[in-house]
Protein backbone atom coordinates (compact mmCIF):
# COMPACT_ATOMS: atom_id res chain seq x y z
CA MET A 1 -22.22 2.02 -93.32
CA ALA A 2 -19.32 1.55 -90.92
CA THR A 3 -20.30 0.25 -87.48
CA ALA A 4 -18.46 0.49 -84.18
CA ARG A 5 -19.11 -2.57 -82.03
CA THR A 6 -16.78 -2.02 -79.10
CA ALA A 7 -15.26 0.76 -77.03
CA ARG A 8 -12.02 0.10 -78.87
CA ASP A 9 -13.74 0.77 -82.21
CA TRP A 10 -15.02 4.15 -81.01
CA ALA A 11 -11.62 5.02 -79.57
CA ALA A 12 -9.99 4.16 -82.90
CA ALA A 13 -12.48 6.34 -84.78
CA ALA A 14 -11.85 9.28 -82.46
CA GLY A 15 -8.10 8.82 -82.72
CA SER A 16 -8.27 8.69 -86.51
CA LEU A 17 -10.05 12.05 -86.61
CA ALA A 18 -7.66 13.57 -84.12
CA ASP A 19 -4.67 12.49 -86.20
CA ARG A 20 -5.83 14.32 -89.31
CA ASN A 21 -7.72 17.38 -88.09
CA ARG A 22 -6.59 20.09 -85.68
CA LEU A 23 -10.08 20.84 -84.32
CA ALA A 24 -10.72 17.14 -83.84
CA ALA A 25 -7.42 16.83 -81.96
CA GLU A 26 -8.48 19.62 -79.58
CA LEU A 27 -11.90 18.06 -79.01
CA HIS A 28 -10.36 14.63 -78.52
CA GLN A 29 -8.02 16.03 -75.90
CA ARG A 30 -10.93 17.65 -74.03
CA HIS A 31 -13.50 14.88 -74.25
CA GLY A 32 -11.89 11.60 -75.21
CA ALA A 33 -13.97 9.09 -77.18
CA PRO A 34 -17.63 8.00 -76.97
CA THR A 35 -16.89 4.53 -75.68
CA HIS A 36 -20.35 3.79 -74.21
CA TRP A 37 -22.31 2.94 -77.38
CA ARG A 38 -22.85 -0.70 -78.35
CA PRO A 39 -25.05 -2.16 -81.11
CA VAL A 40 -28.36 -3.29 -79.62
CA PRO A 41 -29.46 -6.92 -80.24
CA PRO A 42 -32.48 -7.32 -82.55
CA ALA A 43 -34.77 -8.46 -79.73
CA GLU A 44 -34.19 -5.17 -77.88
CA ARG A 45 -34.46 -2.75 -80.79
CA PHE A 46 -38.17 -2.02 -80.47
CA SER A 47 -37.67 -1.03 -76.85
CA ALA A 48 -34.66 1.09 -77.78
CA LEU A 49 -36.60 2.92 -80.48
CA ALA A 50 -39.54 3.45 -78.12
CA ARG A 51 -37.16 4.92 -75.56
CA ILE A 52 -35.74 7.36 -78.12
CA ILE A 53 -39.28 8.53 -78.85
CA ALA A 54 -40.11 8.82 -75.15
CA TYR A 55 -37.01 10.89 -74.40
CA GLN A 56 -37.34 13.26 -77.35
CA GLN A 57 -37.59 16.96 -76.36
CA LEU A 58 -37.64 16.23 -72.63
CA SER A 59 -35.10 16.65 -69.87
CA GLY A 60 -33.37 13.44 -68.86
CA SER A 61 -35.04 13.27 -65.44
CA ALA A 62 -38.55 13.92 -66.76
CA ALA A 63 -38.13 11.38 -69.56
CA ALA A 64 -36.73 8.77 -67.16
CA THR A 65 -39.74 9.17 -64.86
CA ILE A 66 -42.20 8.70 -67.72
CA TRP A 67 -40.22 5.76 -69.12
CA SER A 68 -40.22 3.98 -65.75
CA ARG A 69 -43.99 4.42 -65.49
CA VAL A 70 -44.53 3.07 -69.00
CA THR A 71 -42.21 0.08 -68.74
CA GLY A 72 -42.74 -0.90 -65.12
CA ASP A 73 -40.18 -3.12 -63.40
CA THR A 74 -38.65 -4.42 -66.64
CA GLY A 75 -37.38 -1.06 -67.91
CA ARG A 76 -38.20 -2.27 -71.42
CA MET A 77 -41.06 -1.84 -73.83
CA ASP A 78 -42.50 -4.30 -76.32
CA PRO A 79 -45.38 -4.04 -78.81
CA VAL A 80 -47.70 -6.14 -76.66
CA ARG A 81 -47.27 -3.83 -73.67
CA VAL A 82 -47.84 -0.78 -75.86
CA GLY A 83 -51.11 -2.28 -77.07
CA THR A 84 -52.15 -3.26 -73.55
CA LEU A 85 -51.57 0.25 -72.23
CA GLY A 86 -53.25 1.88 -75.21
CA GLN A 87 -53.59 5.60 -75.72
CA GLU A 88 -55.10 6.19 -72.28
CA GLY A 89 -52.48 4.18 -70.40
CA LEU A 90 -49.59 5.86 -72.19
CA ARG A 91 -51.12 9.29 -71.55
CA ALA A 92 -51.66 8.41 -67.87
CA ALA A 93 -47.94 7.61 -67.60
CA GLY A 94 -47.14 11.12 -68.77
CA MET A 95 -46.63 10.71 -72.51
CA SER A 96 -47.97 13.34 -74.87
CA ASN A 97 -50.79 12.46 -77.24
CA ALA A 98 -48.37 12.62 -80.17
CA LYS A 99 -45.84 10.25 -78.59
CA ALA A 100 -48.54 7.83 -77.50
CA ARG A 101 -49.93 7.70 -81.03
CA CYS A 102 -46.42 7.23 -82.37
CA LEU A 103 -45.75 4.22 -80.11
CA LEU A 104 -49.08 2.67 -80.98
CA ASP A 105 -48.30 3.03 -84.67
CA LEU A 106 -44.83 1.53 -84.17
CA ALA A 107 -46.31 -1.42 -82.28
CA GLU A 108 -48.87 -2.05 -85.00
CA ARG A 109 -46.25 -1.85 -87.74
CA PHE A 110 -43.94 -4.17 -85.83
CA GLN A 111 -46.64 -6.77 -85.31
CA GLN A 112 -47.69 -6.55 -88.96
CA GLY A 113 -44.08 -7.03 -90.06
CA THR A 114 -43.80 -3.68 -91.81
CA LEU A 115 -41.38 -2.29 -89.21
CA GLU A 116 -38.29 -4.43 -89.73
CA LEU A 117 -35.91 -3.77 -86.88
CA ALA A 118 -34.04 -7.06 -87.17
CA ARG A 119 -33.01 -6.76 -90.83
CA CYS A 120 -32.34 -3.02 -90.77
CA ALA A 121 -28.80 -3.52 -89.44
CA ARG A 122 -27.87 -4.72 -92.96
CA TRP A 123 -29.15 -1.55 -94.62
CA ASP A 124 -27.28 1.66 -95.35
CA ASP A 125 -27.98 4.73 -93.23
CA ASP A 126 -30.30 6.46 -95.70
CA THR A 127 -32.44 3.35 -96.11
CA VAL A 128 -32.80 2.98 -92.33
CA VAL A 129 -33.86 6.61 -92.00
CA GLU A 130 -36.37 6.28 -94.83
CA HIS A 131 -37.81 3.10 -93.30
CA LEU A 132 -38.17 4.51 -89.79
CA THR A 133 -39.56 7.90 -90.81
CA ALA A 134 -42.39 6.15 -92.67
CA ALA A 135 -43.86 5.46 -89.23
CA ARG A 136 -46.11 8.03 -87.63
CA GLY A 137 -44.27 10.63 -85.59
CA VAL A 138 -40.76 9.34 -86.25
CA GLY A 139 -38.69 12.18 -87.66
CA PRO A 140 -35.14 12.34 -89.00
CA TRP A 141 -33.68 13.11 -85.56
CA SER A 142 -35.18 9.99 -83.97
CA ALA A 143 -34.01 7.88 -86.91
CA GLN A 144 -30.50 9.30 -86.62
CA MET A 145 -30.40 8.57 -82.89
CA PHE A 146 -31.45 5.00 -83.71
CA LEU A 147 -28.55 4.74 -86.17
CA ILE A 148 -26.12 5.93 -83.51
CA ALA A 149 -27.33 4.42 -80.25
CA VAL A 150 -28.92 1.22 -81.57
CA LEU A 151 -26.95 0.27 -84.69
CA GLY A 152 -23.62 1.87 -83.73
CA ARG A 153 -23.16 3.72 -87.03
CA THR A 154 -20.05 5.88 -87.07
CA ASP A 155 -20.85 8.47 -89.75
CA VAL A 156 -24.12 10.06 -88.63
CA TRP A 157 -24.20 13.86 -88.61
CA PRO A 158 -27.50 15.20 -87.14
CA THR A 159 -27.34 18.75 -88.47
CA GLY A 160 -30.75 19.67 -87.09
CA ASP A 161 -29.85 18.77 -83.51
CA VAL A 162 -29.71 21.86 -81.27
CA GLY A 163 -26.95 20.40 -79.10
CA VAL A 164 -24.76 19.65 -82.11
CA ARG A 165 -25.30 23.15 -83.48
CA ASN A 166 -24.53 24.81 -80.13
CA GLY A 167 -21.54 22.55 -79.58
CA TRP A 168 -20.11 23.39 -83.00
CA LYS A 169 -20.51 27.09 -82.22
CA LEU A 170 -18.54 26.68 -79.00
CA ALA A 171 -15.90 24.41 -80.51
CA THR A 172 -15.18 26.77 -83.41
CA GLY A 173 -15.72 30.10 -81.65
CA SER A 174 -18.46 31.04 -84.10
CA PRO A 175 -20.70 33.97 -83.12
CA GLN A 176 -23.89 32.01 -83.83
CA PRO A 177 -24.86 28.34 -84.15
CA PRO A 178 -24.75 27.32 -87.81
CA GLY A 179 -27.83 26.36 -89.77
CA PRO A 180 -28.29 22.78 -90.94
CA ASP A 181 -26.94 23.45 -94.44
CA ASP A 182 -23.77 25.16 -93.19
CA LEU A 183 -23.27 22.46 -90.60
CA ALA A 184 -23.66 19.76 -93.24
CA SER A 185 -20.89 21.36 -95.30
CA ALA A 186 -18.66 21.80 -92.26
CA GLY A 187 -18.96 18.12 -91.40
CA GLU A 188 -17.78 16.85 -94.76
CA GLY A 189 -14.13 16.88 -93.74
CA PHE A 190 -14.86 14.58 -90.80
CA ARG A 191 -16.18 11.62 -92.79
CA PRO A 192 -16.39 8.68 -92.09
CA HIS A 193 -16.53 9.37 -88.35
CA ARG A 194 -19.02 12.21 -88.04
CA THR A 195 -20.85 10.46 -85.19
CA VAL A 196 -17.77 11.08 -83.07
CA LEU A 197 -17.83 14.73 -84.08
CA ALA A 198 -21.51 14.93 -83.09
CA TRP A 199 -20.68 13.42 -79.71
CA TRP A 200 -17.91 15.96 -79.19
CA CYS A 201 -20.37 18.74 -80.02
CA TRP A 202 -22.80 17.38 -77.43
CA GLN A 203 -20.01 17.34 -74.86
CA GLU A 204 -19.10 20.94 -75.71
CA ALA A 205 -22.71 22.03 -75.28
CA ASP A 206 -23.12 20.09 -72.02
CA THR A 207 -19.91 21.23 -70.39
CA ARG A 208 -19.37 24.76 -71.71
CA LEU A 209 -22.82 26.31 -71.98
CA PRO A 210 -23.74 28.30 -68.84
CA GLY A 211 -26.39 26.74 -66.66
CA PRO A 212 -29.49 28.50 -65.31
CA GLY A 213 -28.97 31.16 -62.68
């Protein structure tokens, strides 16, 4: 349940991997460390989780447009605003039916006290994932992104993420992206800093995959 709270913490995690693993050393040399993540304060965690849901399976620009419509001038979401917008308002902003229903369920759970985003920072990773995925429409990927981007957990390894799989293929020179089970096994040697490895894989996929045209 290790947590990185500062850029220095992430840099130390990346350096630790690079010191003990040849592939990690190569990736560290190419991409550096993921120094931009910070734990999100409890009061902002609902908005952060809502944003993860909004951005899922969309391009960055499309997701940003929808998010700005949903949140207005504040750039943040809270349960009251979700309820005020309702299904129709969220759909009018560009959200899919499934995502709108998911946000409404999250808002209801939060207001009822069954979605505990303040206390969850004390829980281990598996417990956080189990708690979040009990909500409608929140899958393992969204829960893992919450662990990384909101709680700053350093040992998250999202084996179902397409970018991680493609990045691993490029980093290792494999002919095909690995399946989740193979990727899970491959990541064992990078504990307890597999979040850094995931970030390196995302960088590989972003910078080395050919673009359209």
